[in-house]
PDB file of N, CA and C in Angstrom:
ATOM      1  N   MET A   1       0.833  -1.182   0.003  1.00  0.00           N
ATOM      2  CA  MET A   1      -0.007   0.007   0.001  1.00  0.00           C
ATOM      3  C   MET A   1       0.878   1.265   0.003  1.00  0.00           C
ATOM      4  N   ALA A   2       0.579   2.183  -0.881  1.00  0.00           N
ATOM      5  CA  ALA A   2       1.312   3.408  -0.953  1.00  0.00           C
ATOM      6  C   ALA A   2       1.004   4.293   0.278  1.00  0.00           C
ATOM      7  N   GLY A   3       1.985   4.992   0.727  1.00  0.00           N
ATOM      8  CA  GLY A   3       1.777   5.855   1.874  1.00  0.00           C
ATOM      9  C   GLY A   3       1.030   7.105   1.566  1.00  0.00           C
ATOM     10  N   VAL A   4       0.517   7.726   2.603  1.00  0.00           N
ATOM     11  CA  VAL A   4      -0.251   8.981   2.463  1.00  0.00           C
ATOM     12  C   VAL A   4       0.660  10.025   1.799  1.00  0.00           C
ATOM     13  N   ASP A   5       1.950  10.013   2.113  1.00  0.00           N
ATOM     14  CA  ASP A   5       2.889  10.993   1.510  1.00  0.00           C
ATOM     15  C   ASP A   5       2.885  10.939   0.031  1.00  0.00           C
ATOM     16  N   ALA A   6       2.743   9.745  -0.550  1.00  0.00           N
ATOM     17  CA  ALA A   6       2.719   9.622  -1.996  1.00  0.00           C
ATOM     18  C   ALA A   6       1.485  10.320  -2.621  1.00  0.00           C
ATOM     19  N   TYR A   7       0.366  10.141  -1.972  1.00  0.00           N
ATOM     20  CA  TYR A   7      -0.863  10.782  -2.467  1.00  0.00           C
ATOM     21  C   TYR A   7      -0.777  12.317  -2.319  1.00  0.00           C
ATOM     22  N   LYS A   8      -0.192  12.758  -1.185  1.00  0.00           N
ATOM     23  CA  LYS A   8      -0.016  14.212  -1.005  1.00  0.00           C
ATOM     24  C   LYS A   8       0.911  14.773  -2.047  1.00  0.00           C
ATOM     25  N   ALA A   9       1.972  14.036  -2.341  1.00  0.00           N
ATOM     26  CA  ALA A   9       2.946  14.498  -3.310  1.00  0.00           C
ATOM     27  C   ALA A   9       2.352  14.587  -4.680  1.00  0.00           C
ATOM     28  N   LEU A  10       1.445  13.703  -5.034  1.00  0.00           N
ATOM     29  CA  LEU A  10       0.795  13.729  -6.301  1.00  0.00           C
ATOM     30  C   LEU A  10      -0.258  14.809  -6.457  1.00  0.00           C
ATOM     31  N   ALA A  11      -0.666  15.401  -5.315  1.00  0.00           N
ATOM     32  CA  ALA A  11      -1.712  16.450  -5.346  1.00  0.00           C
ATOM     33  C   ALA A  11      -1.203  17.758  -5.949  1.00  0.00           C
ATOM     34  N   ASP A  12       0.090  17.950  -6.040  1.00  0.00           N
ATOM     35  CA  ASP A  12       0.658  19.227  -6.513  1.00  0.00           C
ATOM     36  C   ASP A  12       0.961  19.145  -8.006  1.00  0.00           C
ATOM     37  N   PRO A  13       0.483  20.080  -8.823  1.00  0.00           N
ATOM     38  CA  PRO A  13       0.743  20.013 -10.272  1.00  0.00           C
ATOM     39  C   PRO A  13       2.219  20.141 -10.659  1.00  0.00           C
ATOM     40  N   THR A  14       2.984  20.877  -9.854  1.00  0.00           N
ATOM     41  CA  THR A  14       4.402  20.984 -10.180  1.00  0.00           C
ATOM     42  C   THR A  14       5.079  19.642  -9.996  1.00  0.00           C
ATOM     43  N   ARG A  15       4.716  18.918  -8.952  1.00  0.00           N
ATOM     44  CA  ARG A  15       5.328  17.602  -8.737  1.00  0.00           C
ATOM     45  C   ARG A  15       4.891  16.601  -9.770  1.00  0.00           C
ATOM     46  N   ARG A  16       3.626  16.717 -10.239  1.00  0.00           N
ATOM     47  CA  ARG A  16       3.173  15.858 -11.325  1.00  0.00           C
ATOM     48  C   ARG A  16       3.939  16.116 -12.555  1.00  0.00           C
ATOM     49  N   LYS A  17       4.268  17.395 -12.838  1.00  0.00           N
ATOM     50  CA  LYS A  17       5.061  17.704 -14.039  1.00  0.00           C
ATOM     51  C   LYS A  17       6.458  17.179 -13.917  1.00  0.00           C
ATOM     52  N   ILE A  18       7.052  17.225 -12.747  1.00  0.00           N
ATOM     53  CA  ILE A  18       8.359  16.622 -12.520  1.00  0.00           C
ATOM     54  C   ILE A  18       8.315  15.112 -12.852  1.00  0.00           C
ATOM     55  N   LEU A  19       7.290  14.462 -12.401  1.00  0.00           N
ATOM     56  CA  LEU A  19       7.189  12.998 -12.670  1.00  0.00           C
ATOM     57  C   LEU A  19       7.061  12.774 -14.158  1.00  0.00           C
ATOM     58  N   LYS A  20       6.370  13.615 -14.858  1.00  0.00           N
ATOM     59  CA  LYS A  20       6.237  13.470 -16.314  1.00  0.00           C
ATOM     60  C   LYS A  20       7.589  13.647 -16.979  1.00  0.00           C
ATOM     61  N   LEU A  21       8.351  14.614 -16.480  1.00  0.00           N
ATOM     62  CA  LEU A  21       9.684  14.824 -17.063  1.00  0.00           C
ATOM     63  C   LEU A  21      10.591  13.595 -16.911  1.00  0.00           C
ATOM     64  N   LEU A  22      10.437  12.917 -15.742  1.00  0.00           N
ATOM     65  CA  LEU A  22      11.235  11.776 -15.475  1.00  0.00           C
ATOM     66  C   LEU A  22      10.709  10.473 -16.073  1.00  0.00           C
ATOM     67  N   ARG A  23       9.572  10.568 -16.720  1.00  0.00           N
ATOM     68  CA  ARG A  23       8.937   9.360 -17.314  1.00  0.00           C
ATOM     69  C   ARG A  23       9.849   8.783 -18.390  1.00  0.00           C
ATOM     70  N   ASP A  24      10.519   9.601 -19.180  1.00  0.00           N
ATOM     71  CA  ASP A  24      11.289   9.090 -20.277  1.00  0.00           C
ATOM     72  C   ASP A  24      12.769   8.892 -19.973  1.00  0.00           C
ATOM     73  N   ASP A  25      13.293   9.637 -19.019  1.00  0.00           N
ATOM     74  CA  ASP A  25      14.706   9.516 -18.770  1.00  0.00           C
ATOM     75  C   ASP A  25      15.066  10.079 -17.378  1.00  0.00           C
ATOM     76  N   ASP A  26      16.147   9.617 -16.796  1.00  0.00           N
ATOM     77  CA  ASP A  26      16.689  10.173 -15.564  1.00  0.00           C
ATOM     78  C   ASP A  26      17.272  11.511 -15.886  1.00  0.00           C
ATOM     79  N   LEU A  27      17.079  12.467 -14.952  1.00  0.00           N
ATOM     80  CA  LEU A  27      17.532  13.837 -15.197  1.00  0.00           C
ATOM     81  C   LEU A  27      18.307  14.425 -13.965  1.00  0.00           C
ATOM     82  N   PRO A  28      19.303  15.261 -14.251  1.00  0.00           N
ATOM     83  CA  PRO A  28      19.945  15.943 -13.174  1.00  0.00           C
ATOM     84  C   PRO A  28      19.016  17.012 -12.598  1.00  0.00           C
ATOM     85  N   ALA A  29      19.181  17.339 -11.363  1.00  0.00           N
ATOM     86  CA  ALA A  29      18.381  18.348 -10.712  1.00  0.00           C
ATOM     87  C   ALA A  29      18.350  19.638 -11.464  1.00  0.00           C
ATOM     88  N   GLY A  30      19.482  20.064 -11.946  1.00  0.00           N
ATOM     89  CA  GLY A  30      19.545  21.353 -12.666  1.00  0.00           C
ATOM     90  C   GLY A  30      18.689  21.399 -13.924  1.00  0.00           C
ATOM     91  N   VAL A  31      18.639  20.287 -14.636  1.00  0.00           N
ATOM     92  CA  VAL A  31      17.798  20.187 -15.890  1.00  0.00           C
ATOM     93  C   VAL A  31      16.314  20.250 -15.485  1.00  0.00           C
ATOM     94  N   ILE A  32      15.970  19.605 -14.381  1.00  0.00           N
ATOM     95  CA  ILE A  32      14.586  19.639 -13.938  1.00  0.00           C
ATOM     96  C   ILE A  32      14.233  21.088 -13.533  1.00  0.00           C
ATOM     97  N   ALA A  33      15.108  21.755 -12.814  1.00  0.00           N
ATOM     98  CA  ALA A  33      14.839  23.097 -12.318  1.00  0.00           C
ATOM     99  C   ALA A  33      14.701  24.098 -13.473  1.00  0.00           C
ATOM    100  N   GLU A  34      15.370  23.843 -14.606  1.00  0.00           N
ATOM    101  CA  GLU A  34      15.303  24.748 -15.726  1.00  0.00           C
ATOM    102  C   GLU A  34      13.905  24.747 -16.368  1.00  0.00           C
ATOM    103  N   GLN A  35      13.146  23.733 -16.088  1.00  0.00           N
ATOM    104  CA  GLN A  35      11.781  23.598 -16.696  1.00  0.00           C
ATOM    105  C   GLN A  35      10.744  24.453 -16.000  1.00  0.00           C
ATOM    106  N   PHE A  36      11.090  25.085 -14.880  1.00  0.00           N
ATOM    107  CA  PHE A  36      10.111  25.779 -14.073  1.00  0.00           C
ATOM    108  C   PHE A  36      10.499  27.239 -13.866  1.00  0.00           C
ATOM    109  N   ALA A  37       9.508  28.084 -13.803  1.00  0.00           N
ATOM    110  CA  ALA A  37       9.753  29.533 -13.560  1.00  0.00           C
ATOM    111  C   ALA A  37       9.621  29.766 -12.081  1.00  0.00           C
ATOM    112  N   MET A  38      10.502  29.116 -11.284  1.00  0.00           N
ATOM    113  CA  MET A  38      10.523  29.301  -9.831  1.00  0.00           C
ATOM    114  C   MET A  38      11.976  29.165  -9.396  1.00  0.00           C
ATOM    115  N   SER A  39      12.224  29.530  -8.182  1.00  0.00           N
ATOM    116  CA  SER A  39      13.601  29.498  -7.640  1.00  0.00           C
ATOM    117  C   SER A  39      14.060  28.042  -7.498  1.00  0.00           C
ATOM    118  N   TRP A  40      15.389  27.880  -7.536  1.00  0.00           N
ATOM    119  CA  TRP A  40      15.991  26.578  -7.351  1.00  0.00           C
ATOM    120  C   TRP A  40      15.557  25.941  -5.990  1.00  0.00           C
ATOM    121  N   PRO A  41      15.579  26.748  -4.863  1.00  0.00           N
ATOM    122  CA  PRO A  41      15.147  26.124  -3.589  1.00  0.00           C
ATOM    123  C   PRO A  41      13.699  25.579  -3.625  1.00  0.00           C
ATOM    124  N   SER A  42      12.823  26.245  -4.378  1.00  0.00           N
ATOM    125  CA  SER A  42      11.449  25.781  -4.490  1.00  0.00           C
ATOM    126  C   SER A  42      11.397  24.436  -5.232  1.00  0.00           C
ATOM    127  N   VAL A  43      12.125  24.318  -6.329  1.00  0.00           N
ATOM    128  CA  VAL A  43      12.209  23.038  -7.049  1.00  0.00           C
ATOM    129  C   VAL A  43      12.834  21.980  -6.182  1.00  0.00           C
ATOM    130  N   SER A  44      13.857  22.346  -5.461  1.00  0.00           N
ATOM    131  CA  SER A  44      14.539  21.404  -4.550  1.00  0.00           C
ATOM    132  C   SER A  44      13.551  20.851  -3.488  1.00  0.00           C
ATOM    133  N   ARG A  45      12.685  21.716  -2.980  1.00  0.00           N
ATOM    134  CA  ARG A  45      11.705  21.236  -1.992  1.00  0.00           C
ATOM    135  C   ARG A  45      10.724  20.248  -2.604  1.00  0.00           C
ATOM    136  N   HIS A  46      10.345  20.568  -3.882  1.00  0.00           N
ATOM    137  CA  HIS A  46       9.428  19.608  -4.580  1.00  0.00           C
ATOM    138  C   HIS A  46      10.091  18.252  -4.773  1.00  0.00           C
ATOM    139  N   LEU A  47      11.377  18.281  -5.134  1.00  0.00           N
ATOM    140  CA  LEU A  47      12.105  17.040  -5.342  1.00  0.00           C
ATOM    141  C   LEU A  47      12.274  16.309  -4.006  1.00  0.00           C
ATOM    142  N   ALA A  48      12.496  17.037  -2.936  1.00  0.00           N
ATOM    143  CA  ALA A  48      12.560  16.419  -1.634  1.00  0.00           C
ATOM    144  C   ALA A  48      11.300  15.712  -1.227  1.00  0.00           C
ATOM    145  N   VAL A  49      10.135  16.361  -1.509  1.00  0.00           N
ATOM    146  CA  VAL A  49       8.836  15.777  -1.172  1.00  0.00           C
ATOM    147  C   VAL A  49       8.649  14.473  -1.969  1.00  0.00           C
ATOM    148  N   LEU A  50       8.984  14.527  -3.293  1.00  0.00           N
ATOM    149  CA  LEU A  50       8.822  13.368  -4.102  1.00  0.00           C
ATOM    150  C   LEU A  50       9.752  12.217  -3.659  1.00  0.00           C
ATOM    151  N   THR A  51      10.957  12.570  -3.263  1.00  0.00           N
ATOM    152  CA  THR A  51      11.917  11.582  -2.771  1.00  0.00           C
ATOM    153  C   THR A  51      11.424  10.950  -1.455  1.00  0.00           C
ATOM    154  N   ALA A  52      10.950  11.781  -0.527  1.00  0.00           N
ATOM    155  CA  ALA A  52      10.440  11.276   0.755  1.00  0.00           C
ATOM    156  C   ALA A  52       9.236  10.384   0.578  1.00  0.00           C
ATOM    157  N   ALA A  53       8.448  10.647  -0.467  1.00  0.00           N
ATOM    158  CA  ALA A  53       7.267   9.867  -0.747  1.00  0.00           C
ATOM    159  C   ALA A  53       7.580   8.536  -1.453  1.00  0.00           C
ATOM    160  N   GLY A  54       8.869   8.426  -1.897  1.00  0.00           N
ATOM    161  CA  GLY A  54       9.277   7.230  -2.591  1.00  0.00           C
ATOM    162  C   GLY A  54       8.899   7.217  -4.081  1.00  0.00           C
ATOM    163  N   LEU A  55       8.494   8.370  -4.599  1.00  0.00           N
ATOM    164  CA  LEU A  55       8.114   8.463  -6.000  1.00  0.00           C
ATOM    165  C   LEU A  55       9.308   8.654  -6.934  1.00  0.00           C
ATOM    166  N   VAL A  56      10.358   9.247  -6.430  1.00  0.00           N
ATOM    167  CA  VAL A  56      11.592   9.391  -7.195  1.00  0.00           C
ATOM    168  C   VAL A  56      12.770   8.985  -6.316  1.00  0.00           C
ATOM    169  N   ARG A  57      13.892   8.694  -6.969  1.00  0.00           N
ATOM    170  CA  ARG A  57      15.109   8.290  -6.267  1.00  0.00           C
ATOM    171  C   ARG A  57      16.218   9.214  -6.752  1.00  0.00           C
ATOM    172  N   ALA A  58      17.077   9.683  -5.868  1.00  0.00           N
ATOM    173  CA  ALA A  58      18.182  10.547  -6.202  1.00  0.00           C
ATOM    174  C   ALA A  58      19.463   9.739  -6.085  1.00  0.00           C
ATOM    175  N   THR A  59      20.295   9.827  -7.134  1.00  0.00           N
ATOM    176  CA  THR A  59      21.543   9.117  -7.111  1.00  0.00           C
ATOM    177  C   THR A  59      22.622  10.145  -7.397  1.00  0.00           C
ATOM    178  N   ARG A  60      23.665  10.126  -6.567  1.00  0.00           N
ATOM    179  CA  ARG A  60      24.755  11.096  -6.756  1.00  0.00           C
ATOM    180  C   ARG A  60      25.742  10.543  -7.798  1.00  0.00           C
ATOM    181  N   ARG A  61      26.010  11.390  -8.830  1.00  0.00           N
ATOM    182  CA  ARG A  61      27.029  11.054  -9.829  1.00  0.00           C
ATOM    183  C   ARG A  61      27.979  12.231  -9.866  1.00  0.00           C
ATOM    184  N   GLY A  62      29.100  12.081  -9.216  1.00  0.00           N
ATOM    185  CA  GLY A  62      30.030  13.177  -9.077  1.00  0.00           C
ATOM    186  C   GLY A  62      29.407  14.287  -8.274  1.00  0.00           C
ATOM    187  N   GLN A  63      29.351  15.488  -8.805  1.00  0.00           N
ATOM    188  CA  GLN A  63      28.759  16.585  -8.064  1.00  0.00           C
ATOM    189  C   GLN A  63      27.277  16.722  -8.335  1.00  0.00           C
ATOM    190  N   HIS A  64      26.686  15.873  -9.185  1.00  0.00           N
ATOM    191  CA  HIS A  64      25.336  16.076  -9.580  1.00  0.00           C
ATOM    192  C   HIS A  64      24.413  15.025  -8.914  1.00  0.00           C
ATOM    193  N   LEU A  65      23.178  15.452  -8.619  1.00  0.00           N
ATOM    194  CA  LEU A  65      22.122  14.542  -8.211  1.00  0.00           C
ATOM    195  C   LEU A  65      21.277  14.200  -9.414  1.00  0.00           C
ATOM    196  N   ILE A  66      21.166  12.935  -9.729  1.00  0.00           N
ATOM    197  CA  ILE A  66      20.390  12.501 -10.855  1.00  0.00           C
ATOM    198  C   ILE A  66      19.094  11.883 -10.299  1.00  0.00           C
ATOM    199  N   TYR A  67      17.932  12.334 -10.794  1.00  0.00           N
ATOM    200  CA  TYR A  67      16.660  11.828 -10.280  1.00  0.00           C
ATOM    201  C   TYR A  67      16.056  10.900 -11.272  1.00  0.00           C
ATOM    202  N   SER A  68      15.458   9.818 -10.745  1.00  0.00           N
ATOM    203  CA  SER A  68      14.793   8.844 -11.570  1.00  0.00           C
ATOM    204  C   SER A  68      13.422   8.488 -10.954  1.00  0.00           C
ATOM    205  N   LEU A  69      12.518   8.073 -11.808  1.00  0.00           N
ATOM    206  CA  LEU A  69      11.182   7.705 -11.394  1.00  0.00           C
ATOM    207  C   LEU A  69      11.205   6.358 -10.713  1.00  0.00           C
ATOM    208  N   THR A  70      10.487   6.225  -9.622  1.00  0.00           N
ATOM    209  CA  THR A  70      10.324   4.925  -8.929  1.00  0.00           C
ATOM    210  C   THR A  70       8.995   4.386  -9.338  1.00  0.00           C
ATOM    211  N   THR A  71       9.008   3.529 -10.333  1.00  0.00           N
ATOM    212  CA  THR A  71       7.739   3.040 -10.900  1.00  0.00           C
ATOM    213  C   THR A  71       6.955   2.116  -9.984  1.00  0.00           C
ATOM    214  N   SER A  72       7.625   1.425  -9.084  1.00  0.00           N
ATOM    215  CA  SER A  72       6.952   0.473  -8.219  1.00  0.00           C
ATOM    216  C   SER A  72       5.917   1.193  -7.302  1.00  0.00           C
ATOM    217  N   VAL A  73       6.273   2.383  -6.812  1.00  0.00           N
ATOM    218  CA  VAL A  73       5.349   3.130  -5.930  1.00  0.00           C
ATOM    219  C   VAL A  73       4.158   3.614  -6.785  1.00  0.00           C
ATOM    220  N   LEU A  74       4.433   4.079  -8.005  1.00  0.00           N
ATOM    221  CA  LEU A  74       3.369   4.542  -8.881  1.00  0.00           C
ATOM    222  C   LEU A  74       2.403   3.381  -9.205  1.00  0.00           C
ATOM    223  N   MET A  75       2.958   2.236  -9.457  1.00  0.00           N
ATOM    224  CA  MET A  75       2.129   1.045  -9.710  1.00  0.00           C
ATOM    225  C   MET A  75       1.281   0.669  -8.511  1.00  0.00           C
ATOM    226  N   ASP A  76       1.800   0.789  -7.321  1.00  0.00           N
ATOM    227  CA  ASP A  76       1.020   0.565  -6.135  1.00  0.00           C
ATOM    228  C   ASP A  76      -0.184   1.498  -6.048  1.00  0.00           C
ATOM    229  N   ILE A  77       0.039   2.761  -6.370  1.00  0.00           N
ATOM    230  CA  ILE A  77      -1.000   3.763  -6.306  1.00  0.00           C
ATOM    231  C   ILE A  77      -2.056   3.447  -7.382  1.00  0.00           C
ATOM    232  N   VAL A  78      -1.645   3.152  -8.578  1.00  0.00           N
ATOM    233  CA  VAL A  78      -2.569   2.814  -9.625  1.00  0.00           C
ATOM    234  C   VAL A  78      -3.439   1.591  -9.241  1.00  0.00           C
ATOM    235  N   THR A  79      -2.797   0.588  -8.689  1.00  0.00           N
ATOM    236  CA  THR A  79      -3.497  -0.599  -8.256  1.00  0.00           C
ATOM    237  C   THR A  79      -4.521  -0.279  -7.141  1.00  0.00           C
ATOM    238  N   GLU A  80      -4.091   0.519  -6.167  1.00  0.00           N
ATOM    239  CA  GLU A  80      -4.998   0.917  -5.094  1.00  0.00           C
ATOM    240  C   GLU A  80      -6.188   1.669  -5.654  1.00  0.00           C
ATOM    241  N   LEU A  81      -5.972   2.609  -6.573  1.00  0.00           N
ATOM    242  CA  LEU A  81      -7.073   3.383  -7.132  1.00  0.00           C
ATOM    243  C   LEU A  81      -8.012   2.496  -7.941  1.00  0.00           C
ATOM    244  N   ALA A  82      -7.440   1.556  -8.680  1.00  0.00           N
ATOM    245  CA  ALA A  82      -8.280   0.653  -9.457  1.00  0.00           C
ATOM    246  C   ALA A  82      -9.106  -0.212  -8.512  1.00  0.00           C
ATOM    247  N   ASP A  83      -8.510  -0.690  -7.426  1.00  0.00           N
ATOM    248  CA  ASP A  83      -9.242  -1.438  -6.457  1.00  0.00           C
ATOM    249  C   ASP A  83     -10.368  -0.649  -5.831  1.00  0.00           C
ATOM    250  N   MET A  84     -10.112   0.593  -5.475  1.00  0.00           N
ATOM    251  CA  MET A  84     -11.138   1.465  -4.948  1.00  0.00           C
ATOM    252  C   MET A  84     -12.315   1.692  -5.888  1.00  0.00           C
ATOM    253  N   GLY A  85     -11.975   1.810  -7.175  1.00  0.00           N
ATOM    254  CA  GLY A  85     -12.986   2.047  -8.178  1.00  0.00           C
ATOM    255  C   GLY A  85     -13.632   0.815  -8.681  1.00  0.00           C
ATOM    256  N   GLY A  86     -13.217  -0.361  -8.182  1.00  0.00           N
ATOM    257  CA  GLY A  86     -13.747  -1.642  -8.626  1.00  0.00           C
ATOM    258  C   GLY A  86     -13.273  -2.037 -10.019  1.00  0.00           C
ATOM    259  N   LEU A  87     -12.229  -1.384 -10.506  1.00  0.00           N
ATOM    260  CA  LEU A  87     -11.791  -1.675 -11.884  1.00  0.00           C
ATOM    261  C   LEU A  87     -10.982  -2.993 -11.976  1.00  0.00           C
ATOM    262  N   ASN A  88     -10.560  -3.523 -10.853  1.00  0.00           N
ATOM    263  CA  ASN A  88      -9.851  -4.805 -10.872  1.00  0.00           C
ATOM    264  C   ASN A  88     -10.815  -5.978 -10.678  1.00  0.00           C
ATOM    265  N   ASP A  89     -12.105  -5.670 -10.584  1.00  0.00           N
ATOM    266  CA  ASP A  89     -13.132  -6.692 -10.399  1.00  0.00           C
ATOM    267  C   ASP A  89     -13.901  -6.790 -11.718  1.00  0.00           C
ATOM    268  N   PRO A  90     -13.677  -7.819 -12.508  1.00  0.00           N
ATOM    269  CA  PRO A  90     -14.352  -7.887 -13.811  1.00  0.00           C
ATOM    270  C   PRO A  90     -15.877  -7.900 -13.728  1.00  0.00           C
ATOM    271  N   SER A  91     -16.407  -8.373 -12.636  1.00  0.00           N
ATOM    272  CA  SER A  91     -17.871  -8.416 -12.470  1.00  0.00           C
ATOM    273  C   SER A  91     -18.488  -7.037 -12.292  1.00  0.00           C
ATOM    274  N   ARG A  92     -17.656  -6.046 -11.921  1.00  0.00           N
ATOM    275  CA  ARG A  92     -18.144  -4.722 -11.683  1.00  0.00           C
ATOM    276  C   ARG A  92     -17.953  -3.788 -12.904  1.00  0.00           C
ATOM    277  N   VAL A  93     -17.199  -4.197 -13.844  1.00  0.00           N
ATOM    278  CA  VAL A  93     -16.932  -3.342 -14.991  1.00  0.00           C
ATOM    279  C   VAL A  93     -18.122  -3.428 -15.964  1.00  0.00           C
ATOM    280  N   ARG A  94     -18.705  -2.228 -16.204  1.00  0.00           N
ATOM    281  CA  ARG A  94     -19.882  -2.157 -17.099  1.00  0.00           C
ATOM    282  C   ARG A  94     -19.424  -1.875 -18.499  1.00  0.00           C
ATOM    283  N   PRO A  95     -20.066  -2.431 -19.504  1.00  0.00           N
ATOM    284  CA  PRO A  95     -19.709  -2.075 -20.879  1.00  0.00           C
ATOM    285  C   PRO A  95     -20.018  -0.617 -21.160  1.00  0.00           C
ATOM    286  N   LYS A  96     -19.291  -0.032 -22.083  1.00  0.00           N
ATOM    287  CA  LYS A  96     -19.496   1.400 -22.440  1.00  0.00           C
ATOM    288  C   LYS A  96     -20.831   1.560 -23.109  1.00  0.00           C
ATOM    289  N   ALA A  97     -21.543   2.596 -22.773  1.00  0.00           N
ATOM    290  CA  ALA A  97     -22.789   2.885 -23.443  1.00  0.00           C
ATOM    291  C   ALA A  97     -22.526   3.531 -24.786  1.00  0.00           C
ATOM    292  N   ALA A  98     -23.425   3.390 -25.715  1.00  0.00           N
ATOM    293  CA  ALA A  98     -23.250   4.009 -26.995  1.00  0.00           C
ATOM    294  C   ALA A  98     -23.222   5.558 -26.819  1.00  0.00           C
ATOM    295  N   SER A  99     -22.512   6.202 -27.691  1.00  0.00           N
ATOM    296  CA  SER A  99     -22.407   7.668 -27.619  1.00  0.00           C
ATOM    297  C   SER A  99     -23.779   8.302 -27.692  1.00  0.00           C
ATOM    298  N   GLY A 100     -24.016   9.240 -26.785  1.00  0.00           N
ATOM    299  CA  GLY A 100     -25.314   9.935 -26.794  1.00  0.00           C
ATOM    300  C   GLY A 100     -26.414   9.172 -26.031  1.00  0.00           C
ATOM    301  N   SER A 101     -26.133   7.971 -25.685  1.00  0.00           N
ATOM    302  CA  SER A 101     -27.125   7.141 -24.952  1.00  0.00           C
ATOM    303  C   SER A 101     -27.076   7.431 -23.498  1.00  0.00           C
ATOM    304  N   ARG A 102     -28.211   7.279 -22.836  1.00  0.00           N
ATOM    305  CA  ARG A 102     -28.268   7.448 -21.383  1.00  0.00           C
ATOM    306  C   ARG A 102     -28.017   6.083 -20.694  1.00  0.00           C
ATOM    307  N   ALA A 103     -27.923   5.062 -21.447  1.00  0.00           N
ATOM    308  CA  ALA A 103     -27.745   3.726 -20.856  1.00  0.00           C
ATOM    309  C   ALA A 103     -26.389   3.703 -20.101  1.00  0.00           C
ATOM    310  N   GLY A 104     -26.360   3.058 -18.963  1.00  0.00           N
ATOM    311  CA  GLY A 104     -25.164   2.974 -18.151  1.00  0.00           C
ATOM    312  C   GLY A 104     -24.869   4.168 -17.289  1.00  0.00           C
ATOM    313  N   ARG A 105     -25.644   5.222 -17.440  1.00  0.00           N
ATOM    314  CA  ARG A 105     -25.448   6.425 -16.617  1.00  0.00           C
ATOM    315  C   ARG A 105     -26.259   6.293 -15.286  1.00  0.00           C
ATOM    316  N   ARG A 106     -25.713   6.930 -14.289  1.00  0.00           N
ATOM    317  CA  ARG A 106     -26.456   6.968 -13.031  1.00  0.00           C
ATOM    318  C   ARG A 106     -27.596   7.954 -13.162  1.00  0.00           C
ATOM    319  N   PRO A 107     -28.739   7.655 -12.514  1.00  0.00           N
ATOM    320  CA  PRO A 107     -29.840   8.644 -12.567  1.00  0.00           C
ATOM    321  C   PRO A 107     -29.452   9.913 -11.828  1.00  0.00           C
ATOM    322  N   ALA A 108     -29.949  11.021 -12.255  1.00  0.00           N
ATOM    323  CA  ALA A 108     -29.684  12.288 -11.603  1.00  0.00           C
ATOM    324  C   ALA A 108     -30.297  12.308 -10.232  1.00  0.00           C
ATOM    325  N   LEU A 109     -29.613  12.920  -9.304  1.00  0.00           N
ATOM    326  CA  LEU A 109     -30.145  13.036  -7.937  1.00  0.00           C
ATOM    327  C   LEU A 109     -31.179  14.186  -7.938  1.00  0.00           C
ATOM    328  N   ARG A 110     -32.269  13.947  -7.346  1.00  0.00           N
ATOM    329  CA  ARG A 110     -33.306  14.967  -7.255  1.00  0.00           C
ATOM    330  C   ARG A 110     -33.518  15.351  -5.804  1.00  0.00           C
ATOM    331  N   ALA A 111     -33.791  16.616  -5.624  1.00  0.00           N
ATOM    332  CA  ALA A 111     -34.023  17.107  -4.280  1.00  0.00           C
ATOM    333  C   ALA A 111     -35.364  16.504  -3.757  1.00  0.00           C
ATOM    334  N   ALA A 112     -35.329  16.146  -2.510  1.00  0.00           N
ATOM    335  CA  ALA A 112     -36.548  15.616  -1.864  1.00  0.00           C
ATOM    336  C   ALA A 112     -37.568  16.745  -1.772  1.00  0.00           C
ATOM    337  N   ARG A 113     -38.816  16.370  -2.052  1.00  0.00           N
ATOM    338  CA  ARG A 113     -39.925  17.336  -1.960  1.00  0.00           C
ATOM    339  C   ARG A 113     -40.423  17.440  -0.549  1.00  0.00           C
ATOM    340  N   PRO A 114     -40.711  18.651  -0.076  1.00  0.00           N
ATOM    341  CA  PRO A 114     -41.207  18.802   1.331  1.00  0.00           C
ATOM    342  C   PRO A 114     -42.574  18.227   1.513  1.00  0.00           C
TER     343      PRO A 114
END
């Protein structure tokens, strides 16, 4: 089970963008920081939150910190969310309704009449 810190880390759009940057390749902290219009200390705090949550890993190479995505934690989160939504239970998955059809939609909630 993913920790609460991982969910909190994912709540911030800047941190989600950092994760997207790391999706394709490991990057040095400086290259990550260049992608944002904020101070280096602010980016550093975002990286620290992601590292503490286990979503990224920092590896020192000489004088540089290289950040990489920790996919196992992300997979845990995806699995948990799928379980919560019943997506991992084939008996709960409903077929898609035809476009424009009301089939498969939940009925609208109506206010109780006095």
